[in-house]
Amino acid sequence: MAVTMSDVLRKIKQTEREAARQLSDAKDEASKIVTDARKKSAELLSKASEESVSNTQATLDSARDEASKSADKVLKEGSKTVDSISAMANKNESKAVDHILKTMSSL
């Protein structure tokens, strides 16, 4: 069985075509991998952004609740203080009037 030059050339050409096909397939696969990676990256970025907005909103809601509770507490304490001062003023009103009348009478 003798191998001729044309058989060798045919085999080389066949091998080159197979290598070109494999290279093309590899490029297609690499392109698909890059496309899938970009898609996954965009999805992860979107998800992270949504989670960030959600976490920020939760933090803001919590801060608003705490501020509201604190404001209510200050309002209640202030109201108690005003009521106490008002009660004390009402209690001392007659003494103040008597004192003013005595002072004016002694003039």
N, C-alpha and C. Protein backbone atom coordinates (compact mmCIF):
# COMPACT_ATOMS: atom_id res chain seq x y z
N MET A 1 0.84 -1.16 0.00
CA MET A 1 0.00 0.00 0.00
C MET A 1 0.90 1.24 0.00
N ALA A 2 0.90 1.87 -1.09
CA ALA A 2 1.76 3.02 -1.28
C ALA A 2 0.94 4.29 -1.10
N VAL A 3 1.53 5.22 -0.34
CA VAL A 3 0.87 6.49 -0.10
C VAL A 3 1.41 7.48 -1.12
N THR A 4 0.51 8.04 -1.88
CA THR A 4 0.95 8.96 -2.91
C THR A 4 0.92 10.39 -2.39
N MET A 5 1.60 11.26 -3.14
CA MET A 5 1.66 12.67 -2.77
C MET A 5 0.26 13.28 -2.75
N SER A 6 -0.56 12.88 -3.67
CA SER A 6 -1.92 13.43 -3.71
C SER A 6 -2.72 12.98 -2.50
N ASP A 7 -2.49 11.76 -2.00
CA ASP A 7 -3.15 11.29 -0.77
C ASP A 7 -2.71 12.13 0.42
N VAL A 8 -1.42 12.44 0.48
CA VAL A 8 -0.88 13.24 1.58
C VAL A 8 -1.48 14.64 1.52
N LEU A 9 -1.54 15.24 0.33
CA LEU A 9 -2.10 16.58 0.19
C LEU A 9 -3.59 16.59 0.54
N ARG A 10 -4.29 15.57 0.10
CA ARG A 10 -5.71 15.45 0.42
C ARG A 10 -5.89 15.37 1.94
N LYS A 11 -5.06 14.58 2.58
CA LYS A 11 -5.15 14.43 4.05
C LYS A 11 -4.83 15.76 4.74
N ILE A 12 -3.83 16.48 4.24
CA ILE A 12 -3.49 17.79 4.82
C ILE A 12 -4.65 18.75 4.67
N LYS A 13 -5.25 18.80 3.46
CA LYS A 13 -6.39 19.68 3.21
C LYS A 13 -7.56 19.31 4.12
N GLN A 14 -7.79 18.02 4.27
CA GLN A 14 -8.88 17.55 5.14
C GLN A 14 -8.62 17.97 6.59
N THR A 15 -7.40 17.84 7.04
CA THR A 15 -7.02 18.22 8.41
C THR A 15 -7.16 19.73 8.60
N GLU A 16 -6.78 20.51 7.58
CA GLU A 16 -6.91 21.96 7.66
C GLU A 16 -8.39 22.37 7.76
N ARG A 17 -9.24 21.71 6.95
CA ARG A 17 -10.68 22.02 7.02
C ARG A 17 -11.25 21.68 8.41
N GLU A 18 -10.81 20.55 8.95
CA GLU A 18 -11.28 20.14 10.29
C GLU A 18 -10.78 21.13 11.35
N ALA A 19 -9.55 21.58 11.23
CA ALA A 19 -9.00 22.56 12.17
C ALA A 19 -9.76 23.88 12.05
N ALA A 20 -10.07 24.30 10.83
CA ALA A 20 -10.83 25.54 10.63
C ALA A 20 -12.23 25.42 11.23
N ARG A 21 -12.85 24.25 11.05
CA ARG A 21 -14.19 24.03 11.63
C ARG A 21 -14.12 24.07 13.16
N GLN A 22 -13.11 23.45 13.73
CA GLN A 22 -12.94 23.45 15.19
C GLN A 22 -12.69 24.86 15.70
N LEU A 23 -11.89 25.63 14.96
CA LEU A 23 -11.61 27.01 15.34
C LEU A 23 -12.90 27.84 15.30
N SER A 24 -13.69 27.65 14.27
CA SER A 24 -14.96 28.36 14.14
C SER A 24 -15.91 27.98 15.29
N ASP A 25 -15.98 26.69 15.57
CA ASP A 25 -16.82 26.23 16.69
C ASP A 25 -16.35 26.82 18.01
N ALA A 26 -15.03 26.88 18.20
CA ALA A 26 -14.47 27.44 19.44
C ALA A 26 -14.80 28.93 19.55
N LYS A 27 -14.70 29.65 18.43
CA LYS A 27 -15.04 31.08 18.44
C LYS A 27 -16.51 31.28 18.76
N ASP A 28 -17.37 30.45 18.18
CA ASP A 28 -18.81 30.53 18.46
C ASP A 28 -19.09 30.27 19.95
N GLU A 29 -18.42 29.25 20.47
CA GLU A 29 -18.61 28.90 21.89
C GLU A 29 -18.10 30.02 22.79
N ALA A 30 -16.95 30.60 22.45
CA ALA A 30 -16.40 31.71 23.24
C ALA A 30 -17.35 32.91 23.20
N SER A 31 -17.90 33.19 22.03
CA SER A 31 -18.85 34.29 21.90
C SER A 31 -20.10 34.04 22.75
N LYS A 32 -20.57 32.81 22.74
CA LYS A 32 -21.75 32.45 23.55
C LYS A 32 -21.44 32.62 25.04
N ILE A 33 -20.26 32.19 25.44
CA ILE A 33 -19.86 32.31 26.86
C ILE A 33 -19.80 33.78 27.27
N VAL A 34 -19.23 34.62 26.42
CA VAL A 34 -19.13 36.05 26.73
C VAL A 34 -20.52 36.67 26.81
N THR A 35 -21.39 36.31 25.86
CA THR A 35 -22.76 36.84 25.86
C THR A 35 -23.50 36.41 27.12
N ASP A 36 -23.39 35.12 27.47
CA ASP A 36 -24.05 34.63 28.69
C ASP A 36 -23.49 35.31 29.93
N ALA A 37 -22.18 35.54 29.97
CA ALA A 37 -21.56 36.20 31.12
C ALA A 37 -22.05 37.63 31.24
N ARG A 38 -22.16 38.33 30.11
CA ARG A 38 -22.67 39.71 30.15
C ARG A 38 -24.12 39.75 30.62
N LYS A 39 -24.91 38.80 30.14
CA LYS A 39 -26.32 38.74 30.55
C LYS A 39 -26.41 38.48 32.05
N LYS A 40 -25.64 37.52 32.53
CA LYS A 40 -25.65 37.19 33.96
C LYS A 40 -25.16 38.37 34.78
N SER A 41 -24.14 39.06 34.30
CA SER A 41 -23.61 40.23 34.99
C SER A 41 -24.68 41.32 35.09
N ALA A 42 -25.40 41.55 33.99
CA ALA A 42 -26.47 42.56 34.01
C ALA A 42 -27.57 42.17 34.98
N GLU A 43 -27.91 40.88 35.01
CA GLU A 43 -28.94 40.41 35.94
C GLU A 43 -28.49 40.60 37.39
N LEU A 44 -27.23 40.26 37.67
CA LEU A 44 -26.71 40.41 39.03
C LEU A 44 -26.67 41.88 39.44
N LEU A 45 -26.27 42.73 38.51
CA LEU A 45 -26.22 44.16 38.78
C LEU A 45 -27.62 44.71 39.06
N SER A 46 -28.58 44.28 38.27
CA SER A 46 -29.96 44.72 38.46
C SER A 46 -30.50 44.24 39.81
N LYS A 47 -30.23 42.98 40.12
CA LYS A 47 -30.69 42.42 41.40
C LYS A 47 -30.04 43.16 42.58
N ALA A 48 -28.74 43.43 42.47
CA ALA A 48 -28.04 44.15 43.54
C ALA A 48 -28.61 45.55 43.70
N SER A 49 -28.91 46.19 42.58
CA SER A 49 -29.48 47.53 42.62
C SER A 49 -30.86 47.51 43.30
N GLU A 50 -31.68 46.54 42.93
CA GLU A 50 -33.01 46.41 43.54
C GLU A 50 -32.89 46.15 45.04
N GLU A 51 -31.96 45.28 45.43
CA GLU A 51 -31.77 44.99 46.85
C GLU A 51 -31.26 46.22 47.59
N SER A 52 -30.40 46.97 46.94
CA SER A 52 -29.88 48.20 47.56
C SER A 52 -31.01 49.20 47.80
N VAL A 53 -31.86 49.37 46.80
CA VAL A 53 -33.00 50.29 46.95
C VAL A 53 -33.92 49.79 48.06
N SER A 54 -34.17 48.49 48.07
CA SER A 54 -35.04 47.92 49.10
C SER A 54 -34.45 48.11 50.50
N ASN A 55 -33.15 47.85 50.63
CA ASN A 55 -32.49 48.02 51.93
C ASN A 55 -32.48 49.48 52.36
N THR A 56 -32.24 50.37 51.42
CA THR A 56 -32.24 51.80 51.72
C THR A 56 -33.63 52.24 52.17
N GLN A 57 -34.66 51.76 51.49
CA GLN A 57 -36.03 52.11 51.85
C GLN A 57 -36.36 51.59 53.25
N ALA A 58 -35.93 50.37 53.54
CA ALA A 58 -36.17 49.80 54.87
C ALA A 58 -35.46 50.62 55.94
N THR A 59 -34.23 51.05 55.66
CA THR A 59 -33.48 51.87 56.61
C THR A 59 -34.18 53.22 56.83
N LEU A 60 -34.64 53.82 55.73
CA LEU A 60 -35.36 55.10 55.84
C LEU A 60 -36.65 54.93 56.63
N ASP A 61 -37.39 53.87 56.35
CA ASP A 61 -38.64 53.63 57.08
C ASP A 61 -38.38 53.46 58.57
N SER A 62 -37.33 52.71 58.89
CA SER A 62 -36.97 52.49 60.29
C SER A 62 -36.57 53.81 60.96
N ALA A 63 -35.78 54.61 60.25
CA ALA A 63 -35.36 55.91 60.80
C ALA A 63 -36.56 56.82 61.01
N ARG A 64 -37.52 56.82 60.06
CA ARG A 64 -38.73 57.63 60.21
C ARG A 64 -39.53 57.18 61.43
N ASP A 65 -39.66 55.87 61.60
CA ASP A 65 -40.40 55.35 62.75
C ASP A 65 -39.74 55.78 64.06
N GLU A 66 -38.41 55.66 64.11
CA GLU A 66 -37.69 56.05 65.33
C GLU A 66 -37.83 57.56 65.57
N ALA A 67 -37.72 58.34 64.51
CA ALA A 67 -37.86 59.80 64.65
C ALA A 67 -39.27 60.16 65.11
N SER A 68 -40.26 59.46 64.58
CA SER A 68 -41.64 59.72 64.97
C SER A 68 -41.86 59.37 66.44
N LYS A 69 -41.31 58.23 66.86
CA LYS A 69 -41.44 57.84 68.28
C LYS A 69 -40.75 58.86 69.18
N SER A 70 -39.57 59.29 68.76
CA SER A 70 -38.82 60.27 69.54
C SER A 70 -39.59 61.59 69.61
N ALA A 71 -40.15 62.02 68.49
CA ALA A 71 -40.92 63.27 68.47
C ALA A 71 -42.16 63.15 69.35
N ASP A 72 -42.82 62.01 69.31
CA ASP A 72 -44.00 61.81 70.16
C ASP A 72 -43.61 61.87 71.64
N LYS A 73 -42.47 61.28 71.97
CA LYS A 73 -42.00 61.29 73.35
C LYS A 73 -41.72 62.72 73.81
N VAL A 74 -41.02 63.48 72.96
CA VAL A 74 -40.71 64.87 73.30
C VAL A 74 -41.99 65.68 73.43
N LEU A 75 -42.95 65.45 72.53
CA LEU A 75 -44.24 66.15 72.58
C LEU A 75 -44.97 65.84 73.88
N LYS A 76 -45.00 64.57 74.27
CA LYS A 76 -45.68 64.19 75.53
C LYS A 76 -45.00 64.84 76.73
N GLU A 77 -43.64 64.79 76.74
CA GLU A 77 -42.92 65.40 77.86
C GLU A 77 -43.14 66.90 77.89
N GLY A 78 -43.11 67.54 76.74
CA GLY A 78 -43.36 68.98 76.66
C GLY A 78 -44.77 69.32 77.10
N SER A 79 -45.72 68.51 76.71
CA SER A 79 -47.11 68.73 77.09
C SER A 79 -47.29 68.61 78.60
N LYS A 80 -46.62 67.61 79.18
CA LYS A 80 -46.68 67.44 80.64
C LYS A 80 -46.07 68.66 81.34
N THR A 81 -44.95 69.15 80.81
CA THR A 81 -44.30 70.31 81.40
C THR A 81 -45.20 71.54 81.31
N VAL A 82 -45.82 71.74 80.15
CA VAL A 82 -46.74 72.87 79.98
C VAL A 82 -47.92 72.74 80.93
N ASP A 83 -48.47 71.55 81.04
CA ASP A 83 -49.60 71.33 81.96
C ASP A 83 -49.18 71.60 83.39
N SER A 84 -47.98 71.17 83.75
CA SER A 84 -47.48 71.39 85.11
C SER A 84 -47.31 72.88 85.39
N ILE A 85 -46.71 73.59 84.44
CA ILE A 85 -46.51 75.03 84.60
C ILE A 85 -47.86 75.74 84.67
N SER A 86 -48.79 75.33 83.82
CA SER A 86 -50.12 75.94 83.82
C SER A 86 -50.84 75.70 85.14
N ALA A 87 -50.74 74.48 85.65
CA ALA A 87 -51.37 74.16 86.93
C ALA A 87 -50.74 74.97 88.05
N MET A 88 -49.41 75.09 88.01
CA MET A 88 -48.72 75.86 89.04
C MET A 88 -49.12 77.33 88.96
N ALA A 89 -49.25 77.85 87.73
CA ALA A 89 -49.66 79.25 87.55
C ALA A 89 -51.07 79.46 88.07
N ASN A 90 -51.96 78.53 87.78
CA ASN A 90 -53.34 78.64 88.27
C ASN A 90 -53.39 78.58 89.79
N LYS A 91 -52.55 77.70 90.33
CA LYS A 91 -52.50 77.56 91.79
C LYS A 91 -51.98 78.83 92.45
N ASN A 92 -50.99 79.47 91.84
CA ASN A 92 -50.36 80.66 92.43
C ASN A 92 -51.03 81.96 92.01
N GLU A 93 -52.02 81.88 91.13
CA GLU A 93 -52.66 83.09 90.62
C GLU A 93 -53.28 83.92 91.75
N SER A 94 -54.03 83.28 92.60
CA SER A 94 -54.68 84.05 93.67
C SER A 94 -53.66 84.65 94.62
N LYS A 95 -52.57 83.92 94.91
CA LYS A 95 -51.52 84.46 95.76
C LYS A 95 -50.87 85.68 95.10
N ALA A 96 -50.67 85.60 93.79
CA ALA A 96 -50.05 86.72 93.07
C ALA A 96 -50.97 87.93 93.09
N VAL A 97 -52.27 87.70 92.90
CA VAL A 97 -53.23 88.80 92.93
C VAL A 97 -53.25 89.42 94.32
N ASP A 98 -53.30 88.60 95.36
CA ASP A 98 -53.28 89.10 96.73
C ASP A 98 -52.01 89.92 97.00
N HIS A 99 -50.88 89.41 96.53
CA HIS A 99 -49.62 90.10 96.75
C HIS A 99 -49.64 91.47 96.04
N ILE A 100 -50.14 91.52 94.83
CA ILE A 100 -50.20 92.79 94.08
C ILE A 100 -51.14 93.76 94.79
N LEU A 101 -52.29 93.25 95.27
CA LEU A 101 -53.25 94.11 95.96
C LEU A 101 -52.66 94.66 97.27
N LYS A 102 -51.96 93.82 98.00
CA LYS A 102 -51.33 94.27 99.24
C LYS A 102 -50.27 95.33 98.93
N THR A 103 -49.49 95.07 97.89
CA THR A 103 -48.44 96.03 97.51
C THR A 103 -49.06 97.35 97.10
N MET A 104 -50.14 97.31 96.34
CA MET A 104 -50.79 98.52 95.88
C MET A 104 -51.49 99.24 97.05
N SER A 105 -52.02 98.48 97.97
CA SER A 105 -52.71 99.07 99.12
C SER A 105 -51.72 99.79 100.04
N SER A 106 -50.54 99.26 100.15
CA SER A 106 -49.57 99.87 101.07
C SER A 106 -48.95 101.13 100.46
N LEU A 107 -49.21 101.43 99.26
CA LEU A 107 -48.69 102.65 98.65
C LEU A 107 -49.49 103.80 99.02
